[in-house]
């Protein structure tokens, strides 16, 4: 019976096996990204469901988009770091933390403006 090649099969062909602690730390980092994405999406849903001000709606949509972006990037980042570990190369840089911080600052400003200038 023919077995299909999986992403893990392809990854095992790259470089050599790193210390398992580094791989597990990389996996925990990916799970932290997913928790962050879930929190962003939950906050976005809350803003969309609870408040009706147009700025709150915009802020909720931005949070949902940020959550989707962080979740989408989590596997890609895990894969890039795992490949770097296997090749004994420097770890790749990520712009996700700075982007997530910028989104949170922008959303906080939007919600604050919406609360101060309510009609």
PDB file of N, CA and C in Angstrom:
ATOM      1  N   UNK A   1       0.839  -1.175   0.000  1.00  0.00           N
ATOM      2  CA  UNK A   1       0.000   0.000   0.000  1.00  0.00           C
ATOM      3  C   UNK A   1       0.889   1.245   0.000  1.00  0.00           C
ATOM      4  N   UNK A   2       0.576   2.184  -0.859  1.00  0.00           N
ATOM      5  CA  UNK A   2       1.371   3.396  -0.995  1.00  0.00           C
ATOM      6  C   UNK A   2       0.978   4.408   0.078  1.00  0.00           C
ATOM      7  N   UNK A   3       1.972   4.939   0.735  1.00  0.00           N
ATOM      8  CA  UNK A   3       1.736   5.944   1.775  1.00  0.00           C
ATOM      9  C   UNK A   3       2.013   7.317   1.186  1.00  0.00           C
ATOM     10  N   UNK A   4       1.110   8.259   1.454  1.00  0.00           N
ATOM     11  CA  UNK A   4       1.287   9.618   0.969  1.00  0.00           C
ATOM     12  C   UNK A   4       2.354  10.328   1.794  1.00  0.00           C
ATOM     13  N   UNK A   5       3.112  11.185   1.126  1.00  0.00           N
ATOM     14  CA  UNK A   5       4.116  11.985   1.828  1.00  0.00           C
ATOM     15  C   UNK A   5       3.425  13.111   2.573  1.00  0.00           C
ATOM     16  N   UNK A   6       3.834  13.306   3.784  1.00  0.00           N
ATOM     17  CA  UNK A   6       3.265  14.374   4.607  1.00  0.00           C
ATOM     18  C   UNK A   6       4.295  15.486   4.773  1.00  0.00           C
ATOM     19  N   UNK A   7       3.832  16.594   5.337  1.00  0.00           N
ATOM     20  CA  UNK A   7       4.739  17.710   5.597  1.00  0.00           C
ATOM     21  C   UNK A   7       5.838  17.294   6.567  1.00  0.00           C
ATOM     22  N   UNK A   8       5.515  16.435   7.524  1.00  0.00           N
ATOM     23  CA  UNK A   8       6.539  15.997   8.481  1.00  0.00           C
ATOM     24  C   UNK A   8       7.584  15.116   7.791  1.00  0.00           C
ATOM     25  N   UNK A   9       7.164  14.332   6.794  1.00  0.00           N
ATOM     26  CA  UNK A   9       8.136  13.532   6.032  1.00  0.00           C
ATOM     27  C   UNK A   9       9.122  14.444   5.315  1.00  0.00           C
ATOM     28  N   UNK A  10       8.603  15.506   4.699  1.00  0.00           N
ATOM     29  CA  UNK A  10       9.460  16.454   3.989  1.00  0.00           C
ATOM     30  C   UNK A  10      10.397  17.164   4.957  1.00  0.00           C
ATOM     31  N   UNK A  11       9.892  17.515   6.126  1.00  0.00           N
ATOM     32  CA  UNK A  11      10.700  18.237   7.099  1.00  0.00           C
ATOM     33  C   UNK A  11      11.835  17.370   7.630  1.00  0.00           C
ATOM     34  N   UNK A  12      11.592  16.088   7.779  1.00  0.00           N
ATOM     35  CA  UNK A  12      12.630  15.188   8.296  1.00  0.00           C
ATOM     36  C   UNK A  12      13.806  15.057   7.324  1.00  0.00           C
ATOM     37  N   UNK A  13      13.592  15.383   6.057  1.00  0.00           N
ATOM     38  CA  UNK A  13      14.667  15.307   5.069  1.00  0.00           C
ATOM     39  C   UNK A  13      15.556  16.542   5.098  1.00  0.00           C
ATOM     40  N   UNK A  14      15.161  17.570   5.839  1.00  0.00           N
ATOM     41  CA  UNK A  14      15.937  18.807   5.922  1.00  0.00           C
ATOM     42  C   UNK A  14      16.930  18.690   7.074  1.00  0.00           C
ATOM     43  N   UNK A  15      18.211  18.860   6.782  1.00  0.00           N
ATOM     44  CA  UNK A  15      19.234  18.898   7.822  1.00  0.00           C
ATOM     45  C   UNK A  15      19.230  17.665   8.718  1.00  0.00           C
ATOM     46  N   UNK A  16      19.528  17.916   9.998  1.00  0.00           N
ATOM     47  CA  UNK A  16      19.582  16.831  10.991  1.00  0.00           C
ATOM     48  C   UNK A  16      18.611  17.138  12.121  1.00  0.00           C
ATOM     49  N   UNK A  17      18.283  16.122  12.889  1.00  0.00           N
ATOM     50  CA  UNK A  17      17.364  16.306  14.008  1.00  0.00           C
ATOM     51  C   UNK A  17      17.986  17.227  15.060  1.00  0.00           C
ATOM     52  N   UNK A  18      17.296  18.297  15.413  1.00  0.00           N
ATOM     53  CA  UNK A  18      17.822  19.173  16.471  1.00  0.00           C
ATOM     54  C   UNK A  18      17.536  18.568  17.839  1.00  0.00           C
ATOM     55  N   UNK A  19      18.092  19.179  18.858  1.00  0.00           N
ATOM     56  CA  UNK A  19      17.782  18.796  20.231  1.00  0.00           C
ATOM     57  C   UNK A  19      16.259  18.901  20.395  1.00  0.00           C
ATOM     58  N   UNK A  20      15.639  17.865  20.919  1.00  0.00           N
ATOM     59  CA  UNK A  20      14.176  17.834  21.007  1.00  0.00           C
ATOM     60  C   UNK A  20      13.625  18.996  21.825  1.00  0.00           C
ATOM     61  N   UNK A  21      14.406  19.513  22.766  1.00  0.00           N
ATOM     62  CA  UNK A  21      13.917  20.643  23.581  1.00  0.00           C
ATOM     63  C   UNK A  21      13.671  21.875  22.734  1.00  0.00           C
ATOM     64  N   UNK A  22      14.505  22.090  21.721  1.00  0.00           N
ATOM     65  CA  UNK A  22      14.310  23.238  20.845  1.00  0.00           C
ATOM     66  C   UNK A  22      13.056  23.058  19.991  1.00  0.00           C
ATOM     67  N   UNK A  23      12.841  21.846  19.509  1.00  0.00           N
ATOM     68  CA  UNK A  23      11.630  21.574  18.723  1.00  0.00           C
ATOM     69  C   UNK A  23      10.371  21.748  19.570  1.00  0.00           C
ATOM     70  N   UNK A  24      10.428  21.272  20.813  1.00  0.00           N
ATOM     71  CA  UNK A  24       9.266  21.424  21.692  1.00  0.00           C
ATOM     72  C   UNK A  24       9.028  22.888  22.046  1.00  0.00           C
ATOM     73  N   UNK A  25      10.089  23.650  22.261  1.00  0.00           N
ATOM     74  CA  UNK A  25       9.940  25.087  22.532  1.00  0.00           C
ATOM     75  C   UNK A  25       9.338  25.791  21.325  1.00  0.00           C
ATOM     76  N   UNK A  26       9.752  25.387  20.129  1.00  0.00           N
ATOM     77  CA  UNK A  26       9.188  25.966  18.910  1.00  0.00           C
ATOM     78  C   UNK A  26       7.695  25.649  18.808  1.00  0.00           C
ATOM     79  N   UNK A  27       7.331  24.436  19.162  1.00  0.00           N
ATOM     80  CA  UNK A  27       5.914  24.053  19.143  1.00  0.00           C
ATOM     81  C   UNK A  27       5.104  24.849  20.167  1.00  0.00           C
ATOM     82  N   UNK A  28       5.664  25.043  21.355  1.00  0.00           N
ATOM     83  CA  UNK A  28       4.968  25.850  22.372  1.00  0.00           C
ATOM     84  C   UNK A  28       4.787  27.292  21.900  1.00  0.00           C
ATOM     85  N   UNK A  29       5.770  27.809  21.179  1.00  0.00           N
ATOM     86  CA  UNK A  29       5.655  29.162  20.641  1.00  0.00           C
ATOM     87  C   UNK A  29       4.513  29.229  19.626  1.00  0.00           C
ATOM     88  N   UNK A  30       4.403  28.216  18.774  1.00  0.00           N
ATOM     89  CA  UNK A  30       3.299  28.193  17.807  1.00  0.00           C
ATOM     90  C   UNK A  30       1.954  28.151  18.536  1.00  0.00           C
ATOM     91  N   UNK A  31       1.861  27.353  19.595  1.00  0.00           N
ATOM     92  CA  UNK A  31       0.619  27.286  20.354  1.00  0.00           C
ATOM     93  C   UNK A  31       0.309  28.621  21.025  1.00  0.00           C
ATOM     94  N   UNK A  32       1.336  29.345  21.455  1.00  0.00           N
ATOM     95  CA  UNK A  32       1.124  30.682  22.031  1.00  0.00           C
ATOM     96  C   UNK A  32       0.594  31.637  20.966  1.00  0.00           C
ATOM     97  N   UNK A  33       1.122  31.531  19.750  1.00  0.00           N
ATOM     98  CA  UNK A  33       0.587  32.339  18.650  1.00  0.00           C
ATOM     99  C   UNK A  33      -0.897  32.019  18.432  1.00  0.00           C
ATOM    100  N   UNK A  34      -1.248  30.738  18.472  1.00  0.00           N
ATOM    101  CA  UNK A  34      -2.648  30.353  18.262  1.00  0.00           C
ATOM    102  C   UNK A  34      -3.542  30.852  19.391  1.00  0.00           C
ATOM    103  N   UNK A  35      -3.050  30.824  20.631  1.00  0.00           N
ATOM    104  CA  UNK A  35      -3.832  31.381  21.744  1.00  0.00           C
ATOM    105  C   UNK A  35      -4.034  32.876  21.573  1.00  0.00           C
ATOM    106  N   UNK A  36      -2.999  33.559  21.128  1.00  0.00           N
ATOM    107  CA  UNK A  36      -3.112  34.991  20.879  1.00  0.00           C
ATOM    108  C   UNK A  36      -4.132  35.255  19.776  1.00  0.00           C
ATOM    109  N   UNK A  37      -4.078  34.474  18.722  1.00  0.00           N
ATOM    110  CA  UNK A  37      -5.032  34.633  17.622  1.00  0.00           C
ATOM    111  C   UNK A  37      -6.459  34.413  18.109  1.00  0.00           C
ATOM    112  N   UNK A  38      -6.650  33.389  18.921  1.00  0.00           N
ATOM    113  CA  UNK A  38      -7.981  33.103  19.459  1.00  0.00           C
ATOM    114  C   UNK A  38      -8.473  34.257  20.329  1.00  0.00           C
ATOM    115  N   UNK A  39      -7.593  34.819  21.158  1.00  0.00           N
ATOM    116  CA  UNK A  39      -7.976  35.950  22.005  1.00  0.00           C
ATOM    117  C   UNK A  39      -8.338  37.169  21.161  1.00  0.00           C
ATOM    118  N   UNK A  40      -7.570  37.435  20.104  1.00  0.00           N
ATOM    119  CA  UNK A  40      -7.885  38.559  19.225  1.00  0.00           C
ATOM    120  C   UNK A  40      -9.248  38.368  18.560  1.00  0.00           C
ATOM    121  N   UNK A  41      -9.504  37.156  18.083  1.00  0.00           N
ATOM    122  CA  UNK A  41     -10.787  36.890  17.427  1.00  0.00           C
ATOM    123  C   UNK A  41     -11.943  36.962  18.425  1.00  0.00           C
ATOM    124  N   UNK A  42     -11.739  36.469  19.640  1.00  0.00           N
ATOM    125  CA  UNK A  42     -12.792  36.546  20.659  1.00  0.00           C
ATOM    126  C   UNK A  42     -13.106  37.995  21.007  1.00  0.00           C
ATOM    127  N   UNK A  43     -12.072  38.820  21.133  1.00  0.00           N
ATOM    128  CA  UNK A  43     -12.299  40.241  21.405  1.00  0.00           C
ATOM    129  C   UNK A  43     -13.019  40.908  20.238  1.00  0.00           C
ATOM    130  N   UNK A  44     -12.669  40.515  19.030  1.00  0.00           N
ATOM    131  CA  UNK A  44     -13.345  41.058  17.852  1.00  0.00           C
ATOM    132  C   UNK A  44     -14.819  40.680  17.818  1.00  0.00           C
ATOM    133  N   UNK A  45     -15.106  39.426  18.115  1.00  0.00           N
ATOM    134  CA  UNK A  45     -16.506  38.984  18.159  1.00  0.00           C
ATOM    135  C   UNK A  45     -17.267  39.745  19.240  1.00  0.00           C
ATOM    136  N   UNK A  46     -16.635  39.942  20.388  1.00  0.00           N
ATOM    137  CA  UNK A  46     -17.295  40.678  21.478  1.00  0.00           C
ATOM    138  C   UNK A  46     -17.639  42.095  21.045  1.00  0.00           C
ATOM    139  N   UNK A  47     -16.705  42.776  20.411  1.00  0.00           N
ATOM    140  CA  UNK A  47     -16.987  44.139  19.946  1.00  0.00           C
ATOM    141  C   UNK A  47     -18.097  44.146  18.897  1.00  0.00           C
ATOM    142  N   UNK A  48     -18.072  43.176  18.009  1.00  0.00           N
ATOM    143  CA  UNK A  48     -19.086  43.121  16.954  1.00  0.00           C
ATOM    144  C   UNK A  48     -20.477  42.798  17.504  1.00  0.00           C
ATOM    145  N   UNK A  49     -20.541  41.987  18.551  1.00  0.00           N
ATOM    146  CA  UNK A  49     -21.833  41.546  19.077  1.00  0.00           C
ATOM    147  C   UNK A  49     -22.414  42.476  20.134  1.00  0.00           C
ATOM    148  N   UNK A  50     -21.569  43.076  20.941  1.00  0.00           N
ATOM    149  CA  UNK A  50     -22.049  43.829  22.097  1.00  0.00           C
ATOM    150  C   UNK A  50     -22.325  45.288  21.772  1.00  0.00           C
ATOM    151  N   UNK A  51     -21.449  45.896  20.986  1.00  0.00           N
ATOM    152  CA  UNK A  51     -21.578  47.335  20.736  1.00  0.00           C
ATOM    153  C   UNK A  51     -22.076  47.595  19.321  1.00  0.00           C
ATOM    154  N   UNK A  52     -22.769  48.715  19.164  1.00  0.00           N
ATOM    155  CA  UNK A  52     -23.331  49.037  17.852  1.00  0.00           C
ATOM    156  C   UNK A  52     -22.739  50.294  17.237  1.00  0.00           C
ATOM    157  N   UNK A  53     -21.826  50.941  17.919  1.00  0.00           N
ATOM    158  CA  UNK A  53     -21.196  52.135  17.382  1.00  0.00           C
ATOM    159  C   UNK A  53     -20.346  51.736  16.169  1.00  0.00           C
ATOM    160  N   UNK A  54     -20.370  52.538  15.109  1.00  0.00           N
ATOM    161  CA  UNK A  54     -19.591  52.186  13.911  1.00  0.00           C
ATOM    162  C   UNK A  54     -18.092  52.006  14.171  1.00  0.00           C
ATOM    163  N   UNK A  55     -17.532  52.797  15.094  1.00  0.00           N
ATOM    164  CA  UNK A  55     -16.114  52.633  15.398  1.00  0.00           C
ATOM    165  C   UNK A  55     -15.847  51.315  16.120  1.00  0.00           C
ATOM    166  N   UNK A  56     -16.777  50.878  16.952  1.00  0.00           N
ATOM    167  CA  UNK A  56     -16.632  49.573  17.613  1.00  0.00           C
ATOM    168  C   UNK A  56     -16.701  48.448  16.585  1.00  0.00           C
ATOM    169  N   UNK A  57     -17.567  48.617  15.614  1.00  0.00           N
ATOM    170  CA  UNK A  57     -17.671  47.628  14.538  1.00  0.00           C
ATOM    171  C   UNK A  57     -16.364  47.562  13.763  1.00  0.00           C
ATOM    172  N   UNK A  58     -15.801  48.726  13.463  1.00  0.00           N
ATOM    173  CA  UNK A  58     -14.517  48.757  12.756  1.00  0.00           C
ATOM    174  C   UNK A  58     -13.421  48.106  13.599  1.00  0.00           C
ATOM    175  N   UNK A  59     -13.400  48.427  14.883  1.00  0.00           N
ATOM    176  CA  UNK A  59     -12.388  47.846  15.771  1.00  0.00           C
ATOM    177  C   UNK A  59     -12.551  46.329  15.854  1.00  0.00           C
ATOM    178  N   UNK A  60     -13.789  45.856  15.930  1.00  0.00           N
ATOM    179  CA  UNK A  60     -14.032  44.414  15.962  1.00  0.00           C
ATOM    180  C   UNK A  60     -13.557  43.735  14.697  1.00  0.00           C
ATOM    181  N   UNK A  61     -13.803  44.363  13.557  1.00  0.00           N
ATOM    182  CA  UNK A  61     -13.356  43.795  12.289  1.00  0.00           C
ATOM    183  C   UNK A  61     -11.827  43.765  12.209  1.00  0.00           C
ATOM    184  N   UNK A  62     -11.187  44.808  12.704  1.00  0.00           N
ATOM    185  CA  UNK A  62      -9.716  44.843  12.706  1.00  0.00           C
ATOM    186  C   UNK A  62      -9.165  43.735  13.603  1.00  0.00           C
ATOM    187  N   UNK A  63      -9.764  43.543  14.772  1.00  0.00           N
ATOM    188  CA  UNK A  63      -9.315  42.474  15.672  1.00  0.00           C
ATOM    189  C   UNK A  63      -9.508  41.098  15.046  1.00  0.00           C
ATOM    190  N   UNK A  64     -10.638  40.901  14.387  1.00  0.00           N
ATOM    191  CA  UNK A  64     -10.869  39.619  13.710  1.00  0.00           C
ATOM    192  C   UNK A  64      -9.810  39.393  12.628  1.00  0.00           C
ATOM    193  N   UNK A  65      -9.537  40.421  11.853  1.00  0.00           N
ATOM    194  CA  UNK A  65      -8.515  40.310  10.807  1.00  0.00           C
ATOM    195  C   UNK A  65      -7.140  40.016  11.380  1.00  0.00           C
ATOM    196  N   UNK A  66      -6.803  40.685  12.492  1.00  0.00           N
ATOM    197  CA  UNK A  66      -5.509  40.440  13.129  1.00  0.00           C
ATOM    198  C   UNK A  66      -5.425  39.006  13.645  1.00  0.00           C
ATOM    199  N   UNK A  67      -6.513  38.508  14.230  1.00  0.00           N
ATOM    200  CA  UNK A  67      -6.530  37.127  14.706  1.00  0.00           C
ATOM    201  C   UNK A  67      -6.334  36.136  13.576  1.00  0.00           C
ATOM    202  N   UNK A  68      -6.987  36.397  12.461  1.00  0.00           N
ATOM    203  CA  UNK A  68      -6.825  35.520  11.292  1.00  0.00           C
ATOM    204  C   UNK A  68      -5.385  35.557  10.788  1.00  0.00           C
ATOM    205  N   UNK A  69      -4.794  36.753  10.754  1.00  0.00           N
ATOM    206  CA  UNK A  69      -3.414  36.888  10.278  1.00  0.00           C
ATOM    207  C   UNK A  69      -2.431  36.173  11.206  1.00  0.00           C
ATOM    208  N   UNK A  70      -2.617  36.324  12.511  1.00  0.00           N
ATOM    209  CA  UNK A  70      -1.711  35.669  13.461  1.00  0.00           C
ATOM    210  C   UNK A  70      -1.855  34.148  13.365  1.00  0.00           C
ATOM    211  N   UNK A  71      -3.085  33.668  13.285  1.00  0.00           N
ATOM    212  CA  UNK A  71      -3.297  32.223  13.172  1.00  0.00           C
ATOM    213  C   UNK A  71      -2.689  31.689  11.879  1.00  0.00           C
ATOM    214  N   UNK A  72      -2.901  32.424  10.797  1.00  0.00           N
ATOM    215  CA  UNK A  72      -2.356  31.990   9.516  1.00  0.00           C
ATOM    216  C   UNK A  72      -0.837  31.970   9.486  1.00  0.00           C
ATOM    217  N   UNK A  73      -0.227  32.870  10.231  1.00  0.00           N
ATOM    218  CA  UNK A  73       1.225  32.953  10.246  1.00  0.00           C
ATOM    219  C   UNK A  73       1.851  31.955  11.206  1.00  0.00           C
ATOM    220  N   UNK A  74       1.105  31.408  12.143  1.00  0.00           N
ATOM    221  CA  UNK A  74       1.692  30.562  13.195  1.00  0.00           C
ATOM    222  C   UNK A  74       2.361  29.308  12.624  1.00  0.00           C
ATOM    223  N   UNK A  75       1.713  28.615  11.712  1.00  0.00           N
ATOM    224  CA  UNK A  75       2.313  27.404  11.153  1.00  0.00           C
ATOM    225  C   UNK A  75       3.515  27.753  10.282  1.00  0.00           C
ATOM    226  N   UNK A  76       3.360  28.801   9.480  1.00  0.00           N
ATOM    227  CA  UNK A  76       4.453  29.224   8.606  1.00  0.00           C
ATOM    228  C   UNK A  76       5.701  29.541   9.430  1.00  0.00           C
ATOM    229  N   UNK A  77       5.513  30.265  10.529  1.00  0.00           N
ATOM    230  CA  UNK A  77       6.650  30.607  11.388  1.00  0.00           C
ATOM    231  C   UNK A  77       7.229  29.350  12.040  1.00  0.00           C
ATOM    232  N   UNK A  78       6.375  28.467  12.538  1.00  0.00           N
ATOM    233  CA  UNK A  78       6.854  27.222  13.138  1.00  0.00           C
ATOM    234  C   UNK A  78       7.723  26.463  12.144  1.00  0.00           C
ATOM    235  N   UNK A  79       7.238  26.354  10.919  1.00  0.00           N
ATOM    236  CA  UNK A  79       7.958  25.605   9.880  1.00  0.00           C
ATOM    237  C   UNK A  79       9.315  26.239   9.584  1.00  0.00           C
ATOM    238  N   UNK A  80       9.353  27.571   9.440  1.00  0.00           N
ATOM    239  CA  UNK A  80      10.608  28.263   9.149  1.00  0.00           C
ATOM    240  C   UNK A  80      11.614  28.086  10.286  1.00  0.00           C
ATOM    241  N   UNK A  81      11.149  28.181  11.523  1.00  0.00           N
ATOM    242  CA  UNK A  81      12.045  28.009  12.670  1.00  0.00           C
ATOM    243  C   UNK A  81      12.530  26.564  12.741  1.00  0.00           C
ATOM    244  N   UNK A  82      11.637  25.616  12.515  1.00  0.00           N
ATOM    245  CA  UNK A  82      12.030  24.198  12.565  1.00  0.00           C
ATOM    246  C   UNK A  82      13.083  23.901  11.507  1.00  0.00           C
ATOM    247  N   UNK A  83      12.911  24.438  10.310  1.00  0.00           N
ATOM    248  CA  UNK A  83      13.915  24.228   9.256  1.00  0.00           C
ATOM    249  C   UNK A  83      15.245  24.866   9.639  1.00  0.00           C
ATOM    250  N   UNK A  84      15.207  26.062  10.219  1.00  0.00           N
ATOM    251  CA  UNK A  84      16.446  26.719  10.651  1.00  0.00           C
ATOM    252  C   UNK A  84      17.138  25.900  11.741  1.00  0.00           C
ATOM    253  N   UNK A  85      16.370  25.359  12.673  1.00  0.00           N
ATOM    254  CA  UNK A  85      16.956  24.510  13.713  1.00  0.00           C
ATOM    255  C   UNK A  85      17.624  23.278  13.107  1.00  0.00           C
ATOM    256  N   UNK A  86      16.945  22.667  12.150  1.00  0.00           N
ATOM    257  CA  UNK A  86      17.470  21.452  11.532  1.00  0.00           C
ATOM    258  C   UNK A  86      18.729  21.727  10.714  1.00  0.00           C
ATOM    259  N   UNK A  87      18.850  22.932  10.176  1.00  0.00           N
ATOM    260  CA  UNK A  87      20.026  23.307   9.379  1.00  0.00           C
ATOM    261  C   UNK A  87      21.103  23.996  10.211  1.00  0.00           C
ATOM    262  N   UNK A  88      20.833  24.193  11.501  1.00  0.00           N
ATOM    263  CA  UNK A  88      21.760  24.899  12.401  1.00  0.00           C
ATOM    264  C   UNK A  88      22.047  26.306  11.869  1.00  0.00           C
ATOM    265  N   UNK A  89      20.978  26.986  11.450  1.00  0.00           N
ATOM    266  CA  UNK A  89      21.060  28.351  10.930  1.00  0.00           C
ATOM    267  C   UNK A  89      20.468  29.315  11.953  1.00  0.00           C
ATOM    268  N   UNK A  90      20.737  30.617  11.777  1.00  0.00           N
ATOM    269  CA  UNK A  90      20.096  31.603  12.663  1.00  0.00           C
ATOM    270  C   UNK A  90      18.574  31.546  12.511  1.00  0.00           C
ATOM    271  N   UNK A  91      17.874  31.820  13.596  1.00  0.00           N
ATOM    272  CA  UNK A  91      16.420  31.784  13.551  1.00  0.00           C
ATOM    273  C   UNK A  91      15.882  32.968  12.749  1.00  0.00           C
ATOM    274  N   UNK A  92      14.805  32.750  11.998  1.00  0.00           N
ATOM    275  CA  UNK A  92      14.244  33.842  11.196  1.00  0.00           C
ATOM    276  C   UNK A  92      13.570  34.890  12.068  1.00  0.00           C
ATOM    277  N   UNK A  93      13.580  36.095  11.580  1.00  0.00           N
ATOM    278  CA  UNK A  93      12.946  37.216  12.267  1.00  0.00           C
ATOM    279  C   UNK A  93      11.450  37.193  11.963  1.00  0.00           C
ATOM    280  N   UNK A  94      10.633  37.630  12.913  1.00  0.00           N
ATOM    281  CA  UNK A  94       9.191  37.703  12.701  1.00  0.00           C
ATOM    282  C   UNK A  94       8.695  39.109  12.999  1.00  0.00           C
ATOM    283  N   UNK A  95       7.826  39.605  12.134  1.00  0.00           N
ATOM    284  CA  UNK A  95       7.208  40.917  12.337  1.00  0.00           C
ATOM    285  C   UNK A  95       5.853  40.800  13.034  1.00  0.00           C
ATOM    286  N   UNK A  96       5.415  39.592  13.311  1.00  0.00           N
ATOM    287  CA  UNK A  96       4.088  39.382  13.895  1.00  0.00           C
ATOM    288  C   UNK A  96       3.925  40.064  15.258  1.00  0.00           C
ATOM    289  N   UNK A  97       4.873  39.929  16.194  1.00  0.00           N
ATOM    290  CA  UNK A  97       4.666  40.598  17.487  1.00  0.00           C
ATOM    291  C   UNK A  97       4.512  42.117  17.348  1.00  0.00           C
ATOM    292  N   UNK A  98       5.341  42.742  16.522  1.00  0.00           N
ATOM    293  CA  UNK A  98       5.233  44.195  16.322  1.00  0.00           C
ATOM    294  C   UNK A  98       3.913  44.546  15.644  1.00  0.00           C
ATOM    295  N   UNK A  99       3.497  43.732  14.693  1.00  0.00           N
ATOM    296  CA  UNK A  99       2.223  43.980  14.013  1.00  0.00           C
ATOM    297  C   UNK A  99       1.040  43.832  14.948  1.00  0.00           C
ATOM    298  N   UNK A 100       1.077  42.798  15.783  1.00  0.00           N
ATOM    299  CA  UNK A 100      -0.017  42.594  16.737  1.00  0.00           C
ATOM    300  C   UNK A 100      -0.077  43.743  17.739  1.00  0.00           C
ATOM    301  N   UNK A 101       1.073  44.205  18.197  1.00  0.00           N
ATOM    302  CA  UNK A 101       1.102  45.342  19.130  1.00  0.00           C
ATOM    303  C   UNK A 101       0.545  46.598  18.464  1.00  0.00           C
ATOM    304  N   UNK A 102       0.910  46.827  17.216  1.00  0.00           N
ATOM    305  CA  UNK A 102       0.404  47.998  16.491  1.00  0.00           C
ATOM    306  C   UNK A 102      -1.107  47.931  16.321  1.00  0.00           C
ATOM    307  N   UNK A 103      -1.613  46.746  16.017  1.00  0.00           N
ATOM    308  CA  UNK A 103      -3.067  46.576  15.863  1.00  0.00           C
ATOM    309  C   UNK A 103      -3.772  46.857  17.183  1.00  0.00           C
ATOM    310  N   UNK A 104      -3.238  46.348  18.284  1.00  0.00           N
ATOM    311  CA  UNK A 104      -3.875  46.576  19.582  1.00  0.00           C
ATOM    312  C   UNK A 104      -3.879  48.057  19.957  1.00  0.00           C
ATOM    313  N   UNK A 105      -2.794  48.754  19.676  1.00  0.00           N
ATOM    314  CA  UNK A 105      -2.744  50.195  19.945  1.00  0.00           C
ATOM    315  C   UNK A 105      -3.782  50.919  19.086  1.00  0.00           C
ATOM    316  N   UNK A 106      -3.863  50.559  17.813  1.00  0.00           N
ATOM    317  CA  UNK A 106      -4.823  51.202  16.914  1.00  0.00           C
ATOM    318  C   UNK A 106      -6.264  50.929  17.349  1.00  0.00           C
ATOM    319  N   UNK A 107      -6.551  49.690  17.718  1.00  0.00           N
ATOM    320  CA  UNK A 107      -7.906  49.337  18.148  1.00  0.00           C
ATOM    321  C   UNK A 107      -8.264  50.064  19.443  1.00  0.00           C
ATOM    322  N   UNK A 108      -7.324  50.129  20.370  1.00  0.00           N
ATOM    323  CA  UNK A 108      -7.588  50.852  21.618  1.00  0.00           C
ATOM    324  C   UNK A 108      -7.891  52.317  21.328  1.00  0.00           C
ATOM    325  N   UNK A 109      -7.149  52.909  20.404  1.00  0.00           N
ATOM    326  CA  UNK A 109      -7.393  54.309  20.035  1.00  0.00           C
ATOM    327  C   UNK A 109      -8.771  54.461  19.382  1.00  0.00           C
ATOM    328  N   UNK A 110      -9.132  53.542  18.512  1.00  0.00           N
ATOM    329  CA  UNK A 110     -10.438  53.599  17.842  1.00  0.00           C
ATOM    330  C   UNK A 110     -11.563  53.499  18.864  1.00  0.00           C
ATOM    331  N   UNK A 111     -11.459  52.539  19.773  1.00  0.00           N
ATOM    332  CA  UNK A 111     -12.512  52.358  20.784  1.00  0.00           C
ATOM    333  C   UNK A 111     -12.581  53.572  21.709  1.00  0.00           C
ATOM    334  N   UNK A 112     -11.432  54.108  22.098  1.00  0.00           N
ATOM    335  CA  UNK A 112     -11.412  55.290  22.956  1.00  0.00           C
ATOM    336  C   UNK A 112     -12.075  56.479  22.264  1.00  0.00           C
ATOM    337  N   UNK A 113     -11.746  56.693  21.017  1.00  0.00           N
ATOM    338  CA  UNK A 113     -12.370  57.791  20.264  1.00  0.00           C
ATOM    339  C   UNK A 113     -13.874  57.560  20.171  1.00  0.00           C
ATOM    340  N   UNK A 114     -14.275  56.326  19.941  1.00  0.00           N
ATOM    341  CA  UNK A 114     -15.702  56.017  19.862  1.00  0.00           C
ATOM    342  C   UNK A 114     -16.434  56.282  21.163  1.00  0.00           C
ATOM    343  N   UNK A 115     -15.781  56.052  22.271  1.00  0.00           N
ATOM    344  CA  UNK A 115     -16.409  56.272  23.578  1.00  0.00           C
ATOM    345  C   UNK A 115     -16.455  57.762  23.944  1.00  0.00           C
ATOM    346  N   UNK A 116     -15.412  58.498  23.605  1.00  0.00           N
ATOM    347  CA  UNK A 116     -15.339  59.925  23.939  1.00  0.00           C
ATOM    348  C   UNK A 116     -16.301  60.743  23.075  1.00  0.00           C
ATOM    349  N   UNK A 117     -16.381  60.429  21.781  1.00  0.00           N
ATOM    350  CA  UNK A 117     -17.200  61.202  20.861  1.00  0.00           C
ATOM    351  C   UNK A 117     -18.498  60.500  20.486  1.00  0.00           C
ATOM    352  N   UNK A 118     -19.149  59.897  21.445  1.00  0.00           N
ATOM    353  CA  UNK A 118     -20.417  59.240  21.161  1.00  0.00           C
ATOM    354  C   UNK A 118     -21.484  60.290  20.877  1.00  0.00           C
ATOM    355  N   UNK A 119     -22.305  60.053  19.838  1.00  0.00           N
ATOM    356  CA  UNK A 119     -23.380  61.009  19.547  1.00  0.00           C
ATOM    357  C   UNK A 119     -24.499  60.950  20.574  1.00  0.00           C
TER     358      UNK A 119
END
